[in-house]
């Protein structure tokens, strides 16, 4: 059985349906036995669902320039 820490590390893959059947089944067994982890997963599902409803607003011009500058610097 996986631990709570292992579940937390696999959470994005689990919610994104990127886990193979074996690890996915282990996560689901753990969730059935661990209410705190089940609550964590549900809160992530709710957060994802709500964040998808947010409008996609443009960055403020000053922030966009700073991000562009930073990306250029990191690319070399």
C-alpha atoms as a PDB file:
ATOM      1  CA  UNK A   1       0.000   0.000   0.000  1.00  0.00           C
ATOM      2  CA  UNK A   2       1.249   3.483  -0.786  1.00  0.00           C
ATOM      3  CA  UNK A   3       1.840   6.109   1.889  1.00  0.00           C
ATOM      4  CA  UNK A   4       0.208   9.515   2.186  1.00  0.00           C
ATOM      5  CA  UNK A   5       3.450  11.116   0.968  1.00  0.00           C
ATOM      6  CA  UNK A   6       3.538   8.866  -2.089  1.00  0.00           C
ATOM      7  CA  UNK A   7      -0.071   9.728  -2.840  1.00  0.00           C
ATOM      8  CA  UNK A   8       0.710  13.434  -2.613  1.00  0.00           C
ATOM      9  CA  UNK A   9       3.622  12.967  -5.014  1.00  0.00           C
ATOM     10  CA  UNK A  10       1.381  11.117  -7.496  1.00  0.00           C
ATOM     11  CA  UNK A  11      -1.573  13.487  -7.132  1.00  0.00           C
ATOM     12  CA  UNK A  12      -1.102  15.444 -10.362  1.00  0.00           C
ATOM     13  CA  UNK A  13      -0.653  12.246 -12.371  1.00  0.00           C
ATOM     14  CA  UNK A  14      -3.678  10.674 -10.693  1.00  0.00           C
ATOM     15  CA  UNK A  15      -5.944  13.631 -11.354  1.00  0.00           C
ATOM     16  CA  UNK A  16      -4.586  13.991 -14.876  1.00  0.00           C
ATOM     17  CA  UNK A  17      -5.300  10.301 -15.485  1.00  0.00           C
ATOM     18  CA  UNK A  18      -1.632   9.725 -16.315  1.00  0.00           C
ATOM     19  CA  UNK A  19      -1.118   6.762 -13.971  1.00  0.00           C
ATOM     20  CA  UNK A  20      -1.018   3.200 -15.242  1.00  0.00           C
ATOM     21  CA  UNK A  21      -3.662   0.796 -13.950  1.00  0.00           C
ATOM     22  CA  UNK A  22      -1.495  -0.673 -11.145  1.00  0.00           C
ATOM     23  CA  UNK A  23      -0.418   2.578  -9.483  1.00  0.00           C
ATOM     24  CA  UNK A  24      -3.897   4.036 -10.071  1.00  0.00           C
ATOM     25  CA  UNK A  25      -5.452   1.091  -8.215  1.00  0.00           C
ATOM     26  CA  UNK A  26      -3.000   1.588  -5.329  1.00  0.00           C
ATOM     27  CA  UNK A  27      -3.993   5.251  -5.070  1.00  0.00           C
ATOM     28  CA  UNK A  28      -7.679   4.333  -5.078  1.00  0.00           C
ATOM     29  CA  UNK A  29      -7.182   1.693  -2.364  1.00  0.00           C
ATOM     30  CA  UNK A  30      -5.320   4.270  -0.269  1.00  0.00           C
ATOM     31  CA  UNK A  31      -8.093   6.829  -0.810  1.00  0.00           C
ATOM     32  CA  UNK A  32     -10.653   4.296   0.365  1.00  0.00           C
ATOM     33  CA  UNK A  33      -8.733   3.806   3.607  1.00  0.00           C
ATOM     34  CA  UNK A  34      -7.469   7.323   4.300  1.00  0.00           C
ATOM     35  CA  UNK A  35     -10.117  10.034   4.728  1.00  0.00           C
ATOM     36  CA  UNK A  36      -7.558  12.896   4.949  1.00  0.00           C
ATOM     37  CA  UNK A  37      -6.085  11.928   1.568  1.00  0.00           C
ATOM     38  CA  UNK A  38      -9.561  11.505   0.083  1.00  0.00           C
ATOM     39  CA  UNK A  39     -10.379  15.030   1.296  1.00  0.00           C
ATOM     40  CA  UNK A  40      -7.135  16.322  -0.223  1.00  0.00           C
ATOM     41  CA  UNK A  41      -7.948  14.802  -3.614  1.00  0.00           C
ATOM     42  CA  UNK A  42     -11.490  16.182  -3.522  1.00  0.00           C
ATOM     43  CA  UNK A  43     -10.228  19.665  -2.627  1.00  0.00           C
ATOM     44  CA  UNK A  44      -7.827  19.525  -5.591  1.00  0.00           C
ATOM     45  CA  UNK A  45     -10.673  18.451  -7.890  1.00  0.00           C
ATOM     46  CA  UNK A  46     -12.786  21.368  -6.700  1.00  0.00           C
ATOM     47  CA  UNK A  47      -9.877  23.805  -7.101  1.00  0.00           C
ATOM     48  CA  UNK A  48      -9.262  22.613 -10.664  1.00  0.00           C
ATOM     49  CA  UNK A  49     -12.952  22.847 -11.550  1.00  0.00           C
ATOM     50  CA  UNK A  50     -13.289  26.354 -10.115  1.00  0.00           C
ATOM     51  CA  UNK A  51     -10.055  27.660 -11.628  1.00  0.00           C
ATOM     52  CA  UNK A  52     -11.211  26.557 -15.085  1.00  0.00           C
ATOM     53  CA  UNK A  53     -14.151  28.946 -14.714  1.00  0.00           C
ATOM     54  CA  UNK A  54     -11.906  31.977 -14.201  1.00  0.00           C
ATOM     55  CA  UNK A  55     -11.589  34.400 -17.102  1.00  0.00           C
ATOM     56  CA  UNK A  56      -8.304  34.454 -18.960  1.00  0.00           C
ATOM     57  CA  UNK A  57      -7.183  38.054 -18.565  1.00  0.00           C
ATOM     58  CA  UNK A  58      -4.111  39.575 -20.215  1.00  0.00           C
ATOM     59  CA  UNK A  59      -1.071  40.313 -18.082  1.00  0.00           C
ATOM     60  CA  UNK A  60      -0.560  43.935 -17.103  1.00  0.00           C
ATOM     61  CA  UNK A  61       1.906  45.438 -19.634  1.00  0.00           C
ATOM     62  CA  UNK A  62       4.668  46.024 -17.060  1.00  0.00           C
ATOM     63  CA  UNK A  63       4.489  42.440 -15.830  1.00  0.00           C
ATOM     64  CA  UNK A  64       4.448  41.092 -19.403  1.00  0.00           C
ATOM     65  CA  UNK A  65       7.649  43.054 -20.186  1.00  0.00           C
ATOM     66  CA  UNK A  66       9.363  41.773 -17.048  1.00  0.00           C
ATOM     67  CA  UNK A  67       8.431  38.167 -17.843  1.00  0.00           C
ATOM     68  CA  UNK A  68       9.634  38.533 -21.444  1.00  0.00           C
ATOM     69  CA  UNK A  69      12.928  40.011 -20.236  1.00  0.00           C
ATOM     70  CA  UNK A  70      13.417  37.201 -17.728  1.00  0.00           C
ATOM     71  CA  UNK A  71      12.700  34.531 -20.352  1.00  0.00           C
ATOM     72  CA  UNK A  72      15.140  36.120 -22.805  1.00  0.00           C
ATOM     73  CA  UNK A  73      17.844  36.225 -20.124  1.00  0.00           C
ATOM     74  CA  UNK A  74      17.311  32.574 -19.229  1.00  0.00           C
ATOM     75  CA  UNK A  75      17.472  31.454 -22.843  1.00  0.00           C
ATOM     76  CA  UNK A  76      20.861  33.134 -23.127  1.00  0.00           C
END
